[in-house]
Amino acid sequence: MEDRRIKEMAIMAAEAADDKKATDIVILDVRSLTTIADYFVFCNGNSELQVKAIAESIEEKLAEKGIFPQNIAGKGENRWVLMDYADVIVHVFHKEDREYYELDRLWGDAEKILVNS
């Protein structure tokens, strides 16, 4: 997939999260830091129910464009849902878990593409 389409996929995921009132939405360009993915999308909800709704919104919006995850982990607990779209990895956190794991800090050298509080 070409770079522009991959970035658009990350933005679509962030917009779908925003549709469900996710907070602290950040897209990180990690291409120069890892081979795992090109972009990470981080966002959080304030409850397990909201985390679930955010993850479902992202999955539905991308599926409408024919984009499906290779894997989704954490759907049962809805504290940290990790959605692997190969070139884009989406992390939907419960606010407390995001603060605990501090993945944003771990990837702090990455360029921020989009930030939404």
C-alpha atoms as a PDB file:
ATOM      1  CA  MET A   1       0.000   0.000   0.000  1.00  0.00           C
ATOM      2  CA  GLU A   2       1.338   3.435  -0.858  1.00  0.00           C
ATOM      3  CA  ASP A   3       2.411   5.895   1.854  1.00  0.00           C
ATOM      4  CA  ARG A   4      -0.453   8.335   1.257  1.00  0.00           C
ATOM      5  CA  ARG A   5      -3.108   5.616   1.599  1.00  0.00           C
ATOM      6  CA  ILE A   6      -1.494   4.280   4.758  1.00  0.00           C
ATOM      7  CA  LYS A   7      -1.523   7.751   6.327  1.00  0.00           C
ATOM      8  CA  GLU A   8      -5.167   8.188   5.242  1.00  0.00           C
ATOM      9  CA  MET A   9      -6.012   4.895   6.964  1.00  0.00           C
ATOM     10  CA  ALA A  10      -4.487   6.186  10.214  1.00  0.00           C
ATOM     11  CA  ILE A  11      -6.453   9.423   9.899  1.00  0.00           C
ATOM     12  CA  MET A  12      -9.682   7.489   9.228  1.00  0.00           C
ATOM     13  CA  ALA A  13      -9.095   5.455  12.393  1.00  0.00           C
ATOM     14  CA  ALA A  14      -8.508   8.647  14.395  1.00  0.00           C
ATOM     15  CA  GLU A  15     -11.662  10.236  12.967  1.00  0.00           C
ATOM     16  CA  ALA A  16     -13.712   7.145  13.826  1.00  0.00           C
ATOM     17  CA  ALA A  17     -12.360   7.333  17.387  1.00  0.00           C
ATOM     18  CA  ASP A  18     -13.271  11.016  17.537  1.00  0.00           C
ATOM     19  CA  ASP A  19     -16.819  10.147  16.409  1.00  0.00           C
ATOM     20  CA  LYS A  20     -17.178   8.198  19.677  1.00  0.00           C
ATOM     21  CA  LYS A  21     -15.707  11.026  21.767  1.00  0.00           C
ATOM     22  CA  ALA A  22     -12.298   9.422  22.304  1.00  0.00           C
ATOM     23  CA  THR A  23      -9.824  11.726  24.008  1.00  0.00           C
ATOM     24  CA  ASP A  24      -6.094  12.344  23.591  1.00  0.00           C
ATOM     25  CA  ILE A  25      -6.089  11.096  20.003  1.00  0.00           C
ATOM     26  CA  VAL A  26      -2.564  10.993  18.594  1.00  0.00           C
ATOM     27  CA  ILE A  27      -1.156   9.608  15.349  1.00  0.00           C
ATOM     28  CA  LEU A  28       2.558   8.873  15.448  1.00  0.00           C
ATOM     29  CA  ASP A  29       4.696   8.389  12.349  1.00  0.00           C
ATOM     30  CA  VAL A  30       6.997   5.562  13.463  1.00  0.00           C
ATOM     31  CA  ARG A  31       8.453   4.664  10.044  1.00  0.00           C
ATOM     32  CA  SER A  32      11.951   5.784  11.018  1.00  0.00           C
ATOM     33  CA  LEU A  33      11.799   4.059  14.421  1.00  0.00           C
ATOM     34  CA  THR A  34      10.490   0.551  13.775  1.00  0.00           C
ATOM     35  CA  THR A  35       9.543  -1.961  11.112  1.00  0.00           C
ATOM     36  CA  ILE A  36       6.449  -3.045  13.076  1.00  0.00           C
ATOM     37  CA  ALA A  37       4.208  -0.463  11.386  1.00  0.00           C
ATOM     38  CA  ASP A  38       4.260   2.934   9.698  1.00  0.00           C
ATOM     39  CA  TYR A  39       1.797   4.646  12.031  1.00  0.00           C
ATOM     40  CA  PHE A  40       0.482   4.151  15.543  1.00  0.00           C
ATOM     41  CA  VAL A  41      -2.845   5.637  16.545  1.00  0.00           C
ATOM     42  CA  PHE A  42      -3.397   6.176  20.276  1.00  0.00           C
ATOM     43  CA  CYS A  43      -6.661   7.215  21.890  1.00  0.00           C
ATOM     44  CA  ASN A  44      -8.573   6.572  25.048  1.00  0.00           C
ATOM     45  CA  GLY A  45     -12.017   6.258  26.515  1.00  0.00           C
ATOM     46  CA  ASN A  46     -13.198   6.836  30.057  1.00  0.00           C
ATOM     47  CA  SER A  47     -14.923   3.475  30.544  1.00  0.00           C
ATOM     48  CA  GLU A  48     -14.824  -0.073  29.205  1.00  0.00           C
ATOM     49  CA  LEU A  49     -18.081   0.623  27.369  1.00  0.00           C
ATOM     50  CA  GLN A  50     -16.596   3.657  25.631  1.00  0.00           C
ATOM     51  CA  VAL A  51     -13.398   1.770  24.743  1.00  0.00           C
ATOM     52  CA  LYS A  52     -15.558  -0.930  23.153  1.00  0.00           C
ATOM     53  CA  ALA A  53     -17.609   1.649  21.229  1.00  0.00           C
ATOM     54  CA  ILE A  54     -14.455   3.391  19.968  1.00  0.00           C
ATOM     55  CA  ALA A  55     -12.888   0.118  18.786  1.00  0.00           C
ATOM     56  CA  GLU A  56     -16.112  -0.930  17.053  1.00  0.00           C
ATOM     57  CA  SER A  57     -16.396   2.464  15.355  1.00  0.00           C
ATOM     58  CA  ILE A  58     -12.842   2.184  14.003  1.00  0.00           C
ATOM     59  CA  GLU A  59     -13.403  -1.367  12.803  1.00  0.00           C
ATOM     60  CA  GLU A  60     -16.675  -0.441  11.056  1.00  0.00           C
ATOM     61  CA  LYS A  61     -15.362   2.722   9.405  1.00  0.00           C
ATOM     62  CA  LEU A  62     -12.301   0.959   7.975  1.00  0.00           C
ATOM     63  CA  ALA A  63     -14.367  -2.075   6.917  1.00  0.00           C
ATOM     64  CA  GLU A  64     -16.580   0.277   4.870  1.00  0.00           C
ATOM     65  CA  LYS A  65     -13.431   1.033   2.845  1.00  0.00           C
ATOM     66  CA  GLY A  66     -12.548  -2.652   2.517  1.00  0.00           C
ATOM     67  CA  ILE A  67      -9.832  -2.465   5.166  1.00  0.00           C
ATOM     68  CA  PHE A  68      -9.847  -5.268   7.725  1.00  0.00           C
ATOM     69  CA  PRO A  69      -7.562  -5.928  10.694  1.00  0.00           C
ATOM     70  CA  GLN A  70      -5.116  -8.800  10.713  1.00  0.00           C
ATOM     71  CA  ASN A  71      -5.806  -9.195  14.412  1.00  0.00           C
ATOM     72  CA  ILE A  72      -7.630  -7.533  17.288  1.00  0.00           C
ATOM     73  CA  ALA A  73      -6.576  -8.189  20.876  1.00  0.00           C
ATOM     74  CA  GLY A  74      -8.171  -7.112  24.137  1.00  0.00           C
ATOM     75  CA  LYS A  75     -11.759  -6.907  22.918  1.00  0.00           C
ATOM     76  CA  GLY A  76     -13.090  -8.956  25.818  1.00  0.00           C
ATOM     77  CA  GLU A  77     -11.718  -6.763  28.597  1.00  0.00           C
ATOM     78  CA  ASN A  78     -11.997  -3.411  26.787  1.00  0.00           C
ATOM     79  CA  ARG A  79      -9.154  -1.876  28.787  1.00  0.00           C
ATOM     80  CA  TRP A  80      -6.612  -1.853  25.948  1.00  0.00           C
ATOM     81  CA  VAL A  81      -7.814  -2.907  22.523  1.00  0.00           C
ATOM     82  CA  LEU A  82      -4.983  -3.346  20.036  1.00  0.00           C
ATOM     83  CA  MET A  83      -6.061  -3.352  16.390  1.00  0.00           C
ATOM     84  CA  ASP A  84      -3.415  -4.549  13.935  1.00  0.00           C
ATOM     85  CA  TYR A  85      -3.932  -3.257  10.405  1.00  0.00           C
ATOM     86  CA  ALA A  86      -0.344  -4.180   9.420  1.00  0.00           C
ATOM     87  CA  ASP A  87       0.863  -0.701   8.394  1.00  0.00           C
ATOM     88  CA  VAL A  88      -1.267   1.000  11.050  1.00  0.00           C
ATOM     89  CA  ILE A  89      -1.610  -0.208  14.629  1.00  0.00           C
ATOM     90  CA  VAL A  90      -4.424   1.308  16.671  1.00  0.00           C
ATOM     91  CA  HIS A  91      -4.306   1.349  20.468  1.00  0.00           C
ATOM     92  CA  VAL A  92      -7.624   2.119  22.163  1.00  0.00           C
ATOM     93  CA  PHE A  93      -6.956   2.488  25.869  1.00  0.00           C
ATOM     94  CA  HIS A  94      -8.990   2.967  28.980  1.00  0.00           C
ATOM     95  CA  LYS A  95      -7.643   6.287  30.286  1.00  0.00           C
ATOM     96  CA  GLU A  96      -6.100   4.685  33.398  1.00  0.00           C
ATOM     97  CA  ASP A  97      -4.302   2.015  31.369  1.00  0.00           C
ATOM     98  CA  ARG A  98      -2.896   4.545  28.930  1.00  0.00           C
ATOM     99  CA  GLU A  99      -1.469   6.544  31.805  1.00  0.00           C
ATOM    100  CA  TYR A 100      -0.008   3.369  33.332  1.00  0.00           C
ATOM    101  CA  TYR A 101       1.686   1.996  30.193  1.00  0.00           C
ATOM    102  CA  GLU A 102       2.850   5.384  28.830  1.00  0.00           C
ATOM    103  CA  LEU A 103       3.371   4.115  25.277  1.00  0.00           C
ATOM    104  CA  ASP A 104       3.260   7.697  24.042  1.00  0.00           C
ATOM    105  CA  ARG A 105       6.441   8.352  26.011  1.00  0.00           C
ATOM    106  CA  LEU A 106       8.074   5.164  24.745  1.00  0.00           C
ATOM    107  CA  TRP A 107       7.546   6.373  21.169  1.00  0.00           C
ATOM    108  CA  GLY A 108       8.259  10.007  22.064  1.00  0.00           C
ATOM    109  CA  ASP A 109      10.788  10.432  19.227  1.00  0.00           C
ATOM    110  CA  ALA A 110       8.097   9.813  16.613  1.00  0.00           C
ATOM    111  CA  GLU A 111       6.612  12.680  14.622  1.00  0.00           C
ATOM    112  CA  LYS A 112       3.082  13.544  15.734  1.00  0.00           C
ATOM    113  CA  ILE A 113       0.744  13.730  12.753  1.00  0.00           C
ATOM    114  CA  LEU A 114      -2.502  14.564  14.502  1.00  0.00           C
ATOM    115  CA  VAL A 115      -3.284  15.455  18.052  1.00  0.00           C
ATOM    116  CA  ASN A 116      -6.781  15.902  19.431  1.00  0.00           C
ATOM    117  CA  SER A 117      -7.487  16.443  23.102  1.00  0.00           C
END
